[in-house]
Amino acid sequence: MDLEIFKYLLPSQRKRVEDELQLLKERKLEQDKVRFSEDEEKLVTTEDRTKLAQLHPVVRILVIRTLVRARDFGIRLGIHAALRSYEEQAALWAKGRDIAGNVVNQQEVVTNAIAGHSWHNYGLAVDLVMDGSPKPGLQWTWDDNVDTNQDGKSDWNQIGEVGESFGLTWGGRFQKPAPVDKPHFQYHKGLATVTDALRLYKPAGPQFPGMGGMQAVWDAIV
């Protein structure tokens, strides 16, 4: 494998990343859970573990991998947002908009996704936050250009590639009309669009007995 991130890893670290990618390729999720449990306990806060537990199992493992791997680059990450309810999504969408949904203050707008149209609504996305200073204690930041490990590269760009190497889709590569969102990562293989997730979550008509809800969405993920 010839990934850009390997340039910054020691040989022993590279071997571990290659092993992890092979596990991902073979989808040995039970092995992943055992492999990462110790690192998760050491490197992920109790609050973040609570948020991670709300994610689809595959997404959770990929995000934990990214959090753990970030430490090899001297970067500490936390979970800002994971699963988000429809009500929470609606409240976020309303920021900067009037009652009719028209944008009245662009600076206050934080999302273009209405309720049910965000991967967050289905436990398939996370927004990360980064410790933006080498000083003791946490100074959380979303600064696109932060370089806490002082290697001359944007920490978010490095972490974006780490997440991508593990199969996550990184918001730093979003194309218009979606805004670039470097702290955002998602995984929804098995579902082409978020509308597909919405249809599974809220199937129409009595011809779908027993279907619907979060489990219907999660069952579609591969």
N, C-alpha and C. Protein backbone atom coordinates (compact mmCIF):
# COMPACT_ATOMS: atom_id res chain seq x y z
N MET A 1 0.85 -1.19 0.00
CA MET A 1 0.00 0.00 0.00
C MET A 1 0.88 1.24 0.00
N ASP A 2 0.46 2.29 -0.76
CA ASP A 2 1.29 3.47 -0.88
C ASP A 2 0.44 4.70 -0.58
N LEU A 3 0.17 4.92 0.70
CA LEU A 3 -0.62 6.05 1.12
C LEU A 3 0.29 7.17 1.60
N GLU A 4 -0.14 8.41 1.40
CA GLU A 4 0.64 9.57 1.82
C GLU A 4 0.96 9.52 3.31
N ILE A 5 0.00 9.01 4.12
CA ILE A 5 0.20 9.02 5.56
C ILE A 5 1.37 8.15 5.99
N PHE A 6 1.73 7.16 5.18
CA PHE A 6 2.82 6.27 5.57
C PHE A 6 4.15 7.00 5.67
N LYS A 7 4.26 8.15 5.00
CA LYS A 7 5.50 8.91 5.05
C LYS A 7 5.81 9.40 6.46
N TYR A 8 4.76 9.49 7.29
CA TYR A 8 4.93 10.07 8.62
C TYR A 8 4.93 9.02 9.72
N LEU A 9 4.94 7.74 9.36
CA LEU A 9 4.87 6.67 10.34
C LEU A 9 6.18 5.92 10.44
N LEU A 10 6.48 5.45 11.65
CA LEU A 10 7.60 4.56 11.85
C LEU A 10 7.27 3.21 11.23
N PRO A 11 8.27 2.39 10.90
CA PRO A 11 8.00 1.07 10.30
C PRO A 11 7.02 0.23 11.13
N SER A 12 7.17 0.25 12.46
CA SER A 12 6.27 -0.53 13.31
C SER A 12 4.84 -0.01 13.23
N GLN A 13 4.69 1.32 13.13
CA GLN A 13 3.37 1.92 13.02
C GLN A 13 2.75 1.60 11.66
N ARG A 14 3.57 1.62 10.62
CA ARG A 14 3.08 1.31 9.29
C ARG A 14 2.54 -0.12 9.24
N LYS A 15 3.26 -1.05 9.88
CA LYS A 15 2.81 -2.44 9.88
C LYS A 15 1.44 -2.55 10.53
N ARG A 16 1.24 -1.82 11.61
CA ARG A 16 -0.05 -1.88 12.31
C ARG A 16 -1.16 -1.32 11.44
N VAL A 17 -0.90 -0.21 10.75
CA VAL A 17 -1.90 0.37 9.88
C VAL A 17 -2.26 -0.61 8.76
N GLU A 18 -1.24 -1.25 8.18
CA GLU A 18 -1.49 -2.22 7.12
C GLU A 18 -2.33 -3.38 7.63
N ASP A 19 -2.05 -3.83 8.85
CA ASP A 19 -2.84 -4.92 9.44
C ASP A 19 -4.30 -4.49 9.63
N GLU A 20 -4.47 -3.24 10.09
CA GLU A 20 -5.82 -2.74 10.32
C GLU A 20 -6.60 -2.62 9.01
N LEU A 21 -5.92 -2.15 7.96
CA LEU A 21 -6.58 -2.04 6.67
C LEU A 21 -6.97 -3.42 6.13
N GLN A 22 -6.12 -4.42 6.39
CA GLN A 22 -6.45 -5.77 5.96
C GLN A 22 -7.66 -6.30 6.71
N LEU A 23 -7.73 -6.01 8.02
CA LEU A 23 -8.90 -6.41 8.79
C LEU A 23 -10.16 -5.76 8.23
N LEU A 24 -10.03 -4.49 7.87
CA LEU A 24 -11.17 -3.79 7.29
C LEU A 24 -11.59 -4.44 5.98
N LYS A 25 -10.61 -4.75 5.14
CA LYS A 25 -10.90 -5.37 3.85
C LYS A 25 -11.62 -6.70 4.04
N GLU A 26 -11.22 -7.44 5.05
CA GLU A 26 -11.82 -8.76 5.30
C GLU A 26 -13.04 -8.68 6.20
N ARG A 27 -13.34 -7.44 6.70
CA ARG A 27 -14.52 -7.20 7.53
C ARG A 27 -14.54 -8.07 8.78
N LYS A 28 -13.39 -8.23 9.43
CA LYS A 28 -13.33 -9.01 10.66
C LYS A 28 -13.60 -8.09 11.84
N LEU A 29 -14.87 -7.71 11.98
CA LEU A 29 -15.23 -6.69 12.96
C LEU A 29 -15.05 -7.17 14.39
N GLU A 30 -15.30 -8.44 14.65
CA GLU A 30 -15.12 -8.94 16.01
C GLU A 30 -13.66 -8.84 16.42
N GLN A 31 -12.74 -9.12 15.51
CA GLN A 31 -11.32 -8.97 15.82
C GLN A 31 -11.00 -7.50 16.08
N ASP A 32 -11.62 -6.63 15.30
CA ASP A 32 -11.39 -5.20 15.49
C ASP A 32 -11.80 -4.76 16.89
N LYS A 33 -12.95 -5.26 17.35
CA LYS A 33 -13.45 -4.85 18.67
C LYS A 33 -12.45 -5.21 19.76
N VAL A 34 -11.88 -6.39 19.66
CA VAL A 34 -10.88 -6.82 20.64
C VAL A 34 -9.61 -6.02 20.48
N ARG A 35 -9.19 -5.84 19.23
CA ARG A 35 -7.92 -5.18 18.95
C ARG A 35 -7.92 -3.75 19.46
N PHE A 36 -9.05 -3.06 19.33
CA PHE A 36 -9.09 -1.64 19.66
C PHE A 36 -9.63 -1.35 21.05
N SER A 37 -10.09 -2.35 21.77
CA SER A 37 -10.70 -2.09 23.07
C SER A 37 -9.70 -1.46 24.04
N GLU A 38 -8.47 -1.96 24.05
CA GLU A 38 -7.46 -1.43 24.97
C GLU A 38 -7.10 0.01 24.62
N ASP A 39 -6.87 0.26 23.33
CA ASP A 39 -6.55 1.62 22.90
C ASP A 39 -7.71 2.57 23.17
N GLU A 40 -8.92 2.09 22.95
CA GLU A 40 -10.08 2.94 23.17
C GLU A 40 -10.17 3.32 24.65
N GLU A 41 -9.94 2.38 25.53
CA GLU A 41 -9.99 2.66 26.96
C GLU A 41 -8.94 3.70 27.36
N LYS A 42 -7.77 3.62 26.73
CA LYS A 42 -6.67 4.52 27.10
C LYS A 42 -6.81 5.90 26.46
N LEU A 43 -7.31 5.96 25.24
CA LEU A 43 -7.19 7.19 24.46
C LEU A 43 -8.52 7.90 24.20
N VAL A 44 -9.63 7.27 24.52
CA VAL A 44 -10.94 7.87 24.25
C VAL A 44 -11.63 8.16 25.56
N THR A 45 -12.12 9.38 25.72
CA THR A 45 -12.76 9.78 26.98
C THR A 45 -14.09 9.05 27.16
N THR A 46 -14.54 9.03 28.41
CA THR A 46 -15.83 8.40 28.72
C THR A 46 -16.96 9.07 27.95
N GLU A 47 -16.93 10.38 27.87
CA GLU A 47 -17.97 11.12 27.12
C GLU A 47 -17.95 10.72 25.65
N ASP A 48 -16.75 10.61 25.07
CA ASP A 48 -16.66 10.23 23.66
C ASP A 48 -17.11 8.79 23.44
N ARG A 49 -16.81 7.91 24.39
CA ARG A 49 -17.25 6.52 24.25
C ARG A 49 -18.77 6.43 24.26
N THR A 50 -19.42 7.29 25.04
CA THR A 50 -20.88 7.32 25.07
C THR A 50 -21.43 7.71 23.70
N LYS A 51 -20.81 8.70 23.08
CA LYS A 51 -21.25 9.13 21.75
C LYS A 51 -20.95 8.06 20.70
N LEU A 52 -19.79 7.42 20.81
CA LEU A 52 -19.43 6.37 19.86
C LEU A 52 -20.39 5.20 19.93
N ALA A 53 -20.90 4.90 21.12
CA ALA A 53 -21.80 3.77 21.30
C ALA A 53 -23.12 3.97 20.55
N GLN A 54 -23.42 5.21 20.16
CA GLN A 54 -24.67 5.49 19.45
C GLN A 54 -24.53 5.30 17.94
N LEU A 55 -23.31 5.02 17.48
CA LEU A 55 -23.06 4.86 16.05
C LEU A 55 -23.26 3.42 15.60
N HIS A 56 -23.51 3.25 14.32
CA HIS A 56 -23.53 1.92 13.73
C HIS A 56 -22.20 1.24 14.06
N PRO A 57 -22.19 -0.06 14.38
CA PRO A 57 -20.94 -0.73 14.79
C PRO A 57 -19.78 -0.56 13.84
N VAL A 58 -20.04 -0.60 12.53
CA VAL A 58 -18.96 -0.42 11.56
C VAL A 58 -18.39 0.99 11.65
N VAL A 59 -19.28 1.97 11.72
CA VAL A 59 -18.85 3.37 11.78
C VAL A 59 -18.05 3.60 13.07
N ARG A 60 -18.53 3.03 14.15
CA ARG A 60 -17.84 3.19 15.44
C ARG A 60 -16.40 2.70 15.36
N ILE A 61 -16.21 1.54 14.78
CA ILE A 61 -14.85 0.98 14.69
C ILE A 61 -13.97 1.86 13.82
N LEU A 62 -14.49 2.35 12.70
CA LEU A 62 -13.68 3.17 11.80
C LEU A 62 -13.31 4.50 12.45
N VAL A 63 -14.22 5.06 13.23
CA VAL A 63 -13.94 6.32 13.92
C VAL A 63 -12.91 6.10 15.02
N ILE A 64 -13.06 5.02 15.78
CA ILE A 64 -12.07 4.71 16.82
C ILE A 64 -10.69 4.55 16.20
N ARG A 65 -10.61 3.87 15.08
CA ARG A 65 -9.33 3.72 14.38
C ARG A 65 -8.72 5.09 14.10
N THR A 66 -9.56 6.01 13.61
CA THR A 66 -9.08 7.34 13.26
C THR A 66 -8.60 8.09 14.50
N LEU A 67 -9.35 8.00 15.61
CA LEU A 67 -8.94 8.66 16.84
C LEU A 67 -7.60 8.12 17.34
N VAL A 68 -7.49 6.79 17.31
CA VAL A 68 -6.26 6.15 17.80
C VAL A 68 -5.09 6.49 16.89
N ARG A 69 -5.30 6.40 15.59
CA ARG A 69 -4.21 6.65 14.65
C ARG A 69 -3.74 8.09 14.71
N ALA A 70 -4.64 9.01 15.02
CA ALA A 70 -4.25 10.42 15.12
C ALA A 70 -3.14 10.62 16.12
N ARG A 71 -3.11 9.81 17.17
CA ARG A 71 -2.07 9.95 18.19
C ARG A 71 -0.68 9.69 17.62
N ASP A 72 -0.58 8.86 16.58
CA ASP A 72 0.72 8.62 15.96
C ASP A 72 1.26 9.88 15.28
N PHE A 73 0.37 10.81 14.99
CA PHE A 73 0.77 12.07 14.37
C PHE A 73 0.86 13.20 15.40
N GLY A 74 0.70 12.85 16.68
CA GLY A 74 0.73 13.86 17.73
C GLY A 74 -0.52 14.72 17.75
N ILE A 75 -1.64 14.17 17.27
CA ILE A 75 -2.89 14.92 17.17
C ILE A 75 -3.94 14.27 18.07
N ARG A 76 -4.56 15.06 18.94
CA ARG A 76 -5.60 14.55 19.82
C ARG A 76 -6.95 14.99 19.31
N LEU A 77 -7.84 14.03 19.08
CA LEU A 77 -9.18 14.31 18.58
C LEU A 77 -10.23 13.96 19.62
N GLY A 78 -11.37 14.62 19.53
CA GLY A 78 -12.52 14.28 20.33
C GLY A 78 -13.76 14.23 19.45
N ILE A 79 -14.87 13.75 20.00
CA ILE A 79 -16.13 13.66 19.28
C ILE A 79 -16.99 14.87 19.64
N HIS A 80 -17.27 15.70 18.67
CA HIS A 80 -18.16 16.84 18.91
C HIS A 80 -19.62 16.42 18.76
N ALA A 81 -19.93 15.68 17.71
CA ALA A 81 -21.32 15.25 17.48
C ALA A 81 -21.31 13.91 16.77
N ALA A 82 -22.25 13.05 17.13
CA ALA A 82 -22.39 11.75 16.49
C ALA A 82 -23.85 11.59 16.06
N LEU A 83 -24.60 10.71 16.74
CA LEU A 83 -26.02 10.57 16.43
C LEU A 83 -26.76 11.86 16.77
N ARG A 84 -27.64 12.26 15.87
CA ARG A 84 -28.41 13.48 16.08
C ARG A 84 -29.88 13.19 15.78
N SER A 85 -30.77 13.58 16.66
CA SER A 85 -32.20 13.34 16.45
C SER A 85 -32.73 14.24 15.35
N TYR A 86 -33.92 13.88 14.84
CA TYR A 86 -34.57 14.74 13.85
C TYR A 86 -34.82 16.13 14.44
N GLU A 87 -35.21 16.18 15.70
CA GLU A 87 -35.49 17.47 16.35
C GLU A 87 -34.23 18.32 16.45
N GLU A 88 -33.13 17.69 16.80
CA GLU A 88 -31.86 18.42 16.88
C GLU A 88 -31.43 18.91 15.51
N GLN A 89 -31.65 18.09 14.48
CA GLN A 89 -31.30 18.50 13.12
C GLN A 89 -32.14 19.69 12.68
N ALA A 90 -33.43 19.64 12.99
CA ALA A 90 -34.32 20.75 12.63
C ALA A 90 -33.89 22.05 13.30
N ALA A 91 -33.46 21.96 14.56
CA ALA A 91 -33.02 23.16 15.29
C ALA A 91 -31.75 23.73 14.68
N LEU A 92 -30.83 22.85 14.27
CA LEU A 92 -29.60 23.32 13.63
C LEU A 92 -29.91 23.98 12.28
N TRP A 93 -30.80 23.34 11.51
CA TRP A 93 -31.13 23.88 10.20
C TRP A 93 -31.79 25.26 10.32
N ALA A 94 -32.52 25.49 11.39
CA ALA A 94 -33.23 26.75 11.57
C ALA A 94 -32.29 27.92 11.87
N LYS A 95 -31.07 27.64 12.29
CA LYS A 95 -30.14 28.72 12.63
C LYS A 95 -29.84 29.56 11.39
N GLY A 96 -30.01 30.86 11.53
CA GLY A 96 -29.74 31.77 10.42
C GLY A 96 -30.87 31.85 9.41
N ARG A 97 -32.00 31.17 9.68
CA ARG A 97 -33.13 31.18 8.76
C ARG A 97 -34.39 31.72 9.46
N ASP A 98 -35.31 32.27 8.65
CA ASP A 98 -36.58 32.73 9.21
C ASP A 98 -37.57 31.57 9.26
N ILE A 99 -38.79 31.83 9.70
CA ILE A 99 -39.78 30.76 9.90
C ILE A 99 -40.14 30.08 8.59
N ALA A 100 -39.94 30.76 7.46
CA ALA A 100 -40.24 30.18 6.15
C ALA A 100 -39.06 29.41 5.59
N GLY A 101 -37.94 29.45 6.31
CA GLY A 101 -36.76 28.71 5.85
C GLY A 101 -35.81 29.51 4.99
N ASN A 102 -36.08 30.79 4.85
CA ASN A 102 -35.19 31.64 4.06
C ASN A 102 -33.98 32.06 4.89
N VAL A 103 -32.81 32.07 4.27
CA VAL A 103 -31.60 32.47 4.97
C VAL A 103 -31.64 33.98 5.20
N VAL A 104 -31.51 34.36 6.46
CA VAL A 104 -31.51 35.78 6.80
C VAL A 104 -30.16 36.20 7.39
N ASN A 105 -29.37 35.23 7.83
CA ASN A 105 -28.03 35.52 8.35
C ASN A 105 -27.12 34.36 7.99
N GLN A 106 -26.38 34.50 6.89
CA GLN A 106 -25.54 33.42 6.38
C GLN A 106 -24.49 32.99 7.38
N GLN A 107 -24.01 33.92 8.20
CA GLN A 107 -22.97 33.59 9.17
C GLN A 107 -23.46 32.65 10.26
N GLU A 108 -24.76 32.62 10.49
CA GLU A 108 -25.33 31.74 11.52
C GLU A 108 -25.73 30.37 10.97
N VAL A 109 -25.75 30.21 9.66
CA VAL A 109 -26.15 28.95 9.04
C VAL A 109 -25.07 27.89 9.31
N VAL A 110 -25.47 26.75 9.83
CA VAL A 110 -24.51 25.69 10.16
C VAL A 110 -24.74 24.41 9.37
N THR A 111 -25.90 24.29 8.71
CA THR A 111 -26.16 23.09 7.92
C THR A 111 -27.22 23.39 6.86
N ASN A 112 -27.12 22.69 5.74
CA ASN A 112 -28.14 22.78 4.70
C ASN A 112 -29.05 21.55 4.71
N ALA A 113 -28.82 20.64 5.66
CA ALA A 113 -29.59 19.39 5.72
C ALA A 113 -30.78 19.54 6.65
N ILE A 114 -31.97 19.34 6.11
CA ILE A 114 -33.16 19.38 6.95
C ILE A 114 -33.27 18.06 7.72
N ALA A 115 -34.18 18.00 8.67
CA ALA A 115 -34.35 16.80 9.50
C ALA A 115 -34.60 15.57 8.63
N GLY A 116 -33.85 14.51 8.90
CA GLY A 116 -33.97 13.28 8.15
C GLY A 116 -33.05 13.19 6.96
N HIS A 117 -32.37 14.28 6.64
CA HIS A 117 -31.51 14.32 5.46
C HIS A 117 -30.03 14.50 5.82
N SER A 118 -29.69 14.14 7.02
CA SER A 118 -28.30 14.14 7.46
C SER A 118 -27.92 12.73 7.88
N TRP A 119 -26.71 12.30 7.52
CA TRP A 119 -26.24 10.97 7.95
C TRP A 119 -26.12 10.90 9.47
N HIS A 120 -26.00 12.04 10.12
CA HIS A 120 -25.98 12.07 11.58
C HIS A 120 -27.28 11.50 12.16
N ASN A 121 -28.39 11.70 11.45
CA ASN A 121 -29.69 11.26 11.95
C ASN A 121 -29.80 9.75 12.05
N TYR A 122 -28.85 9.05 11.44
CA TYR A 122 -28.92 7.59 11.40
C TYR A 122 -27.68 6.92 12.03
N GLY A 123 -26.91 7.69 12.79
CA GLY A 123 -25.74 7.12 13.46
C GLY A 123 -24.67 6.70 12.49
N LEU A 124 -24.56 7.41 11.36
CA LEU A 124 -23.61 7.04 10.31
C LEU A 124 -22.59 8.15 10.04
N ALA A 125 -22.52 9.13 10.94
CA ALA A 125 -21.59 10.24 10.75
C ALA A 125 -21.14 10.80 12.09
N VAL A 126 -19.96 11.41 12.08
CA VAL A 126 -19.45 12.11 13.26
C VAL A 126 -18.83 13.42 12.84
N ASP A 127 -18.84 14.38 13.74
CA ASP A 127 -18.06 15.60 13.61
C ASP A 127 -16.99 15.55 14.70
N LEU A 128 -15.74 15.63 14.28
CA LEU A 128 -14.64 15.58 15.23
C LEU A 128 -14.24 17.00 15.63
N VAL A 129 -13.48 17.09 16.70
CA VAL A 129 -12.89 18.34 17.14
C VAL A 129 -11.46 18.04 17.54
N MET A 130 -10.58 19.03 17.40
CA MET A 130 -9.15 18.81 17.59
C MET A 130 -8.59 19.68 18.71
N ASP A 131 -7.68 19.10 19.47
CA ASP A 131 -6.94 19.89 20.46
C ASP A 131 -5.97 20.76 19.69
N GLY A 132 -6.20 22.07 19.70
CA GLY A 132 -5.47 22.96 18.82
C GLY A 132 -4.19 23.53 19.37
N SER A 133 -3.70 23.01 20.50
CA SER A 133 -2.49 23.57 21.08
C SER A 133 -1.68 22.49 21.78
N PRO A 134 -0.35 22.55 21.69
CA PRO A 134 0.47 21.60 22.42
C PRO A 134 0.55 21.90 23.91
N LYS A 135 -0.04 23.01 24.35
CA LYS A 135 -0.01 23.38 25.76
C LYS A 135 -0.82 22.38 26.59
N PRO A 136 -0.53 22.28 27.89
CA PRO A 136 -1.32 21.39 28.75
C PRO A 136 -2.80 21.75 28.73
N GLY A 137 -3.63 20.75 28.87
CA GLY A 137 -5.06 20.99 28.83
C GLY A 137 -5.58 20.99 27.41
N LEU A 138 -6.89 21.07 27.29
CA LEU A 138 -7.52 21.00 25.97
C LEU A 138 -7.93 22.38 25.50
N GLN A 139 -7.54 22.71 24.27
CA GLN A 139 -8.01 23.92 23.61
C GLN A 139 -8.64 23.49 22.29
N TRP A 140 -9.93 23.14 22.33
CA TRP A 140 -10.59 22.60 21.16
C TRP A 140 -10.65 23.63 20.03
N THR A 141 -10.47 23.17 18.80
CA THR A 141 -10.50 24.07 17.66
C THR A 141 -11.02 23.35 16.42
N TRP A 142 -11.60 24.14 15.52
CA TRP A 142 -11.98 23.65 14.19
C TRP A 142 -11.22 24.43 13.12
N ASP A 143 -10.16 25.12 13.50
CA ASP A 143 -9.35 25.90 12.56
C ASP A 143 -8.82 24.98 11.46
N ASP A 144 -9.15 25.31 10.20
CA ASP A 144 -8.74 24.48 9.07
C ASP A 144 -7.23 24.36 8.93
N ASN A 145 -6.51 25.37 9.40
CA ASN A 145 -5.07 25.41 9.16
C ASN A 145 -4.23 25.07 10.39
N VAL A 146 -4.85 24.54 11.44
CA VAL A 146 -4.10 24.24 12.65
C VAL A 146 -3.02 23.19 12.37
N ASP A 147 -1.85 23.39 12.98
CA ASP A 147 -0.71 22.48 12.77
C ASP A 147 -0.06 22.22 14.12
N THR A 148 -0.73 21.47 14.97
CA THR A 148 -0.24 21.27 16.33
C THR A 148 1.02 20.42 16.38
N ASN A 149 1.22 19.53 15.41
CA ASN A 149 2.43 18.70 15.42
C ASN A 149 3.59 19.37 14.69
N GLN A 150 3.34 20.58 14.16
CA GLN A 150 4.38 21.43 13.59
C GLN A 150 5.21 20.70 12.53
N ASP A 151 4.50 20.04 11.61
CA ASP A 151 5.19 19.39 10.50
C ASP A 151 4.97 20.11 9.18
N GLY A 152 4.38 21.31 9.26
CA GLY A 152 4.17 22.10 8.06
C GLY A 152 2.95 21.72 7.26
N LYS A 153 2.11 20.82 7.80
CA LYS A 153 0.91 20.39 7.11
C LYS A 153 -0.32 20.61 7.99
N SER A 154 -1.44 20.87 7.35
CA SER A 154 -2.69 21.02 8.10
C SER A 154 -3.04 19.72 8.79
N ASP A 155 -3.26 19.78 10.11
CA ASP A 155 -3.63 18.58 10.85
C ASP A 155 -4.92 17.98 10.30
N TRP A 156 -5.89 18.82 9.93
CA TRP A 156 -7.16 18.31 9.43
C TRP A 156 -6.97 17.56 8.12
N ASN A 157 -6.05 18.04 7.27
CA ASN A 157 -5.81 17.32 6.01
C ASN A 157 -5.17 15.96 6.29
N GLN A 158 -4.28 15.89 7.26
CA GLN A 158 -3.68 14.61 7.61
C GLN A 158 -4.73 13.64 8.16
N ILE A 159 -5.56 14.15 9.08
CA ILE A 159 -6.58 13.29 9.67
C ILE A 159 -7.62 12.89 8.63
N GLY A 160 -7.90 13.80 7.70
CA GLY A 160 -8.84 13.45 6.63
C GLY A 160 -8.36 12.24 5.85
N GLU A 161 -7.08 12.19 5.55
CA GLU A 161 -6.55 11.05 4.81
C GLU A 161 -6.52 9.78 5.66
N VAL A 162 -6.25 9.95 6.95
CA VAL A 162 -6.29 8.78 7.84
C VAL A 162 -7.69 8.18 7.83
N GLY A 163 -8.72 9.03 8.02
CA GLY A 163 -10.09 8.53 8.02
C GLY A 163 -10.44 7.87 6.69
N GLU A 164 -10.02 8.47 5.59
CA GLU A 164 -10.28 7.90 4.27
C GLU A 164 -9.61 6.55 4.10
N SER A 165 -8.41 6.41 4.65
CA SER A 165 -7.69 5.15 4.50
C SER A 165 -8.43 4.01 5.18
N PHE A 166 -9.25 4.33 6.18
CA PHE A 166 -10.02 3.32 6.89
C PHE A 166 -11.43 3.16 6.32
N GLY A 167 -11.73 3.87 5.23
CA GLY A 167 -13.02 3.68 4.56
C GLY A 167 -14.06 4.74 4.83
N LEU A 168 -13.72 5.75 5.65
CA LEU A 168 -14.68 6.83 5.92
C LEU A 168 -14.68 7.83 4.76
N THR A 169 -15.82 8.45 4.54
CA THR A 169 -15.91 9.58 3.61
C THR A 169 -15.65 10.85 4.38
N TRP A 170 -14.72 11.67 3.87
CA TRP A 170 -14.28 12.87 4.59
C TRP A 170 -14.96 14.11 4.02
N GLY A 171 -15.51 14.94 4.90
CA GLY A 171 -16.16 16.17 4.48
C GLY A 171 -15.23 17.19 3.87
N GLY A 172 -13.93 17.01 4.04
CA GLY A 172 -12.96 17.93 3.43
C GLY A 172 -12.93 17.84 1.92
N ARG A 173 -13.54 16.81 1.36
CA ARG A 173 -13.58 16.65 -0.10
C ARG A 173 -14.98 16.86 -0.67
N PHE A 174 -15.89 17.38 0.14
CA PHE A 174 -17.24 17.65 -0.35
C PHE A 174 -17.19 18.65 -1.50
N GLN A 175 -18.05 18.43 -2.47
CA GLN A 175 -18.18 19.34 -3.61
C GLN A 175 -19.49 20.11 -3.49
N LYS A 176 -19.53 21.29 -4.09
CA LYS A 176 -20.73 22.11 -4.07
C LYS A 176 -21.89 21.32 -4.67
N PRO A 177 -23.11 21.47 -4.13
CA PRO A 177 -23.54 22.52 -3.20
C PRO A 177 -23.22 22.22 -1.73
N ALA A 178 -22.71 21.02 -1.41
CA ALA A 178 -22.35 20.73 -0.02
C ALA A 178 -21.10 21.53 0.35
N PRO A 179 -21.10 22.19 1.51
CA PRO A 179 -19.92 22.95 1.92
C PRO A 179 -18.81 22.02 2.40
N VAL A 180 -17.56 22.42 2.17
CA VAL A 180 -16.42 21.68 2.70
C VAL A 180 -16.53 21.65 4.22
N ASP A 181 -16.36 20.46 4.81
CA ASP A 181 -16.57 20.28 6.25
C ASP A 181 -15.49 19.33 6.77
N LYS A 182 -14.31 19.86 7.06
CA LYS A 182 -13.16 19.02 7.39
C LYS A 182 -13.32 18.20 8.66
N PRO A 183 -14.06 18.64 9.67
CA PRO A 183 -14.22 17.79 10.86
C PRO A 183 -15.22 16.65 10.68
N HIS A 184 -15.89 16.59 9.53
CA HIS A 184 -16.99 15.64 9.32
C HIS A 184 -16.51 14.37 8.62
N PHE A 185 -16.95 13.21 9.16
CA PHE A 185 -16.67 11.91 8.56
C PHE A 185 -17.96 11.10 8.55
N GLN A 186 -18.17 10.31 7.50
CA GLN A 186 -19.37 9.50 7.41
C GLN A 186 -19.07 8.18 6.70
N TYR A 187 -19.96 7.23 6.92
CA TYR A 187 -19.85 5.92 6.25
C TYR A 187 -21.26 5.40 6.03
N HIS A 188 -21.59 5.11 4.77
CA HIS A 188 -22.95 4.64 4.48
C HIS A 188 -22.94 3.66 3.32
N LYS A 189 -21.88 2.86 3.22
CA LYS A 189 -21.82 1.88 2.14
C LYS A 189 -23.02 0.94 2.24
N GLY A 190 -23.73 0.81 1.13
CA GLY A 190 -24.97 0.04 1.11
C GLY A 190 -26.17 0.95 0.87
N LEU A 191 -25.99 2.24 1.11
CA LEU A 191 -27.02 3.24 0.87
C LEU A 191 -26.42 4.32 -0.03
N ALA A 192 -27.02 4.55 -1.18
CA ALA A 192 -26.45 5.50 -2.14
C ALA A 192 -26.62 6.94 -1.68
N THR A 193 -27.80 7.26 -1.16
CA THR A 193 -28.09 8.63 -0.74
C THR A 193 -28.79 8.61 0.61
N VAL A 194 -28.78 9.76 1.26
CA VAL A 194 -29.44 9.87 2.56
C VAL A 194 -30.95 9.72 2.42
N THR A 195 -31.47 10.00 1.21
CA THR A 195 -32.90 9.79 0.97
C THR A 195 -33.26 8.31 1.08
N ASP A 196 -32.32 7.44 0.67
CA ASP A 196 -32.54 6.01 0.83
C ASP A 196 -32.69 5.64 2.31
N ALA A 197 -31.86 6.26 3.14
CA ALA A 197 -31.96 6.02 4.58
C ALA A 197 -33.29 6.50 5.13
N LEU A 198 -33.73 7.66 4.67
CA LEU A 198 -35.01 8.22 5.12
C LEU A 198 -36.17 7.30 4.76
N ARG A 199 -36.13 6.74 3.56
CA ARG A 199 -37.20 5.84 3.12
C ARG A 199 -37.25 4.57 3.96
N LEU A 200 -36.10 4.06 4.33
CA LEU A 200 -36.07 2.87 5.19
C LEU A 200 -36.54 3.20 6.60
N TYR A 201 -36.15 4.37 7.06
CA TYR A 201 -36.51 4.79 8.42
C TYR A 201 -38.01 5.04 8.54
N LYS A 202 -38.60 5.58 7.50
CA LYS A 202 -40.02 5.92 7.52
C LYS A 202 -40.68 5.36 6.26
N PRO A 203 -40.82 4.04 6.14
CA PRO A 203 -41.44 3.47 4.94
C PRO A 203 -42.90 3.91 4.82
N ALA A 204 -43.35 4.06 3.58
CA ALA A 204 -44.71 4.54 3.35
C ALA A 204 -45.67 3.38 3.16
N GLY A 205 -46.81 3.47 3.82
CA GLY A 205 -47.89 2.53 3.58
C GLY A 205 -47.84 1.27 4.39
N PRO A 206 -48.97 0.55 4.46
CA PRO A 206 -49.07 -0.68 5.27
C PRO A 206 -48.40 -1.90 4.63
N GLN A 207 -47.87 -1.74 3.40
CA GLN A 207 -47.25 -2.87 2.74
C GLN A 207 -45.87 -3.20 3.30
N PHE A 208 -45.44 -2.45 4.31
CA PHE A 208 -44.13 -2.68 4.91
C PHE A 208 -44.26 -3.02 6.39
N PRO A 209 -45.01 -4.04 6.77
CA PRO A 209 -45.18 -4.35 8.19
C PRO A 209 -43.86 -4.73 8.84
N GLY A 210 -43.63 -4.17 10.02
CA GLY A 210 -42.43 -4.52 10.77
C GLY A 210 -41.17 -3.82 10.32
N MET A 211 -41.27 -3.01 9.27
CA MET A 211 -40.08 -2.30 8.79
C MET A 211 -40.03 -0.89 9.37
N GLY A 212 -38.96 -0.22 9.09
CA GLY A 212 -38.80 1.14 9.53
C GLY A 212 -37.97 1.25 10.79
N GLY A 213 -37.60 2.48 11.11
CA GLY A 213 -36.80 2.72 12.28
C GLY A 213 -35.30 2.60 11.98
N MET A 214 -34.52 2.87 13.01
CA MET A 214 -33.06 2.86 12.86
C MET A 214 -32.52 1.51 12.43
N GLN A 215 -33.08 0.42 12.95
CA GLN A 215 -32.54 -0.89 12.63
C GLN A 215 -32.65 -1.19 11.14
N ALA A 216 -33.72 -0.71 10.49
CA ALA A 216 -33.88 -0.91 9.05
C ALA A 216 -32.75 -0.23 8.28
N VAL A 217 -32.36 0.94 8.73
CA VAL A 217 -31.24 1.65 8.10
C VAL A 217 -29.94 0.91 8.35
N TRP A 218 -29.70 0.53 9.59
CA TRP A 218 -28.45 -0.13 9.94
C TRP A 218 -28.30 -1.46 9.22
N ASP A 219 -29.41 -2.17 9.02
CA ASP A 219 -29.35 -3.46 8.35
C ASP A 219 -28.90 -3.34 6.90
N ALA A 220 -29.06 -2.14 6.32
CA ALA A 220 -28.66 -1.94 4.93
C ALA A 220 -27.18 -1.66 4.76
N ILE A 221 -26.50 -1.33 5.86
CA ILE A 221 -25.08 -0.98 5.80
C ILE A 221 -24.25 -2.24 5.64
N VAL A 222 -23.27 -2.17 4.72
CA VAL A 222 -22.40 -3.33 4.47
C VAL A 222 -20.95 -2.95 4.71
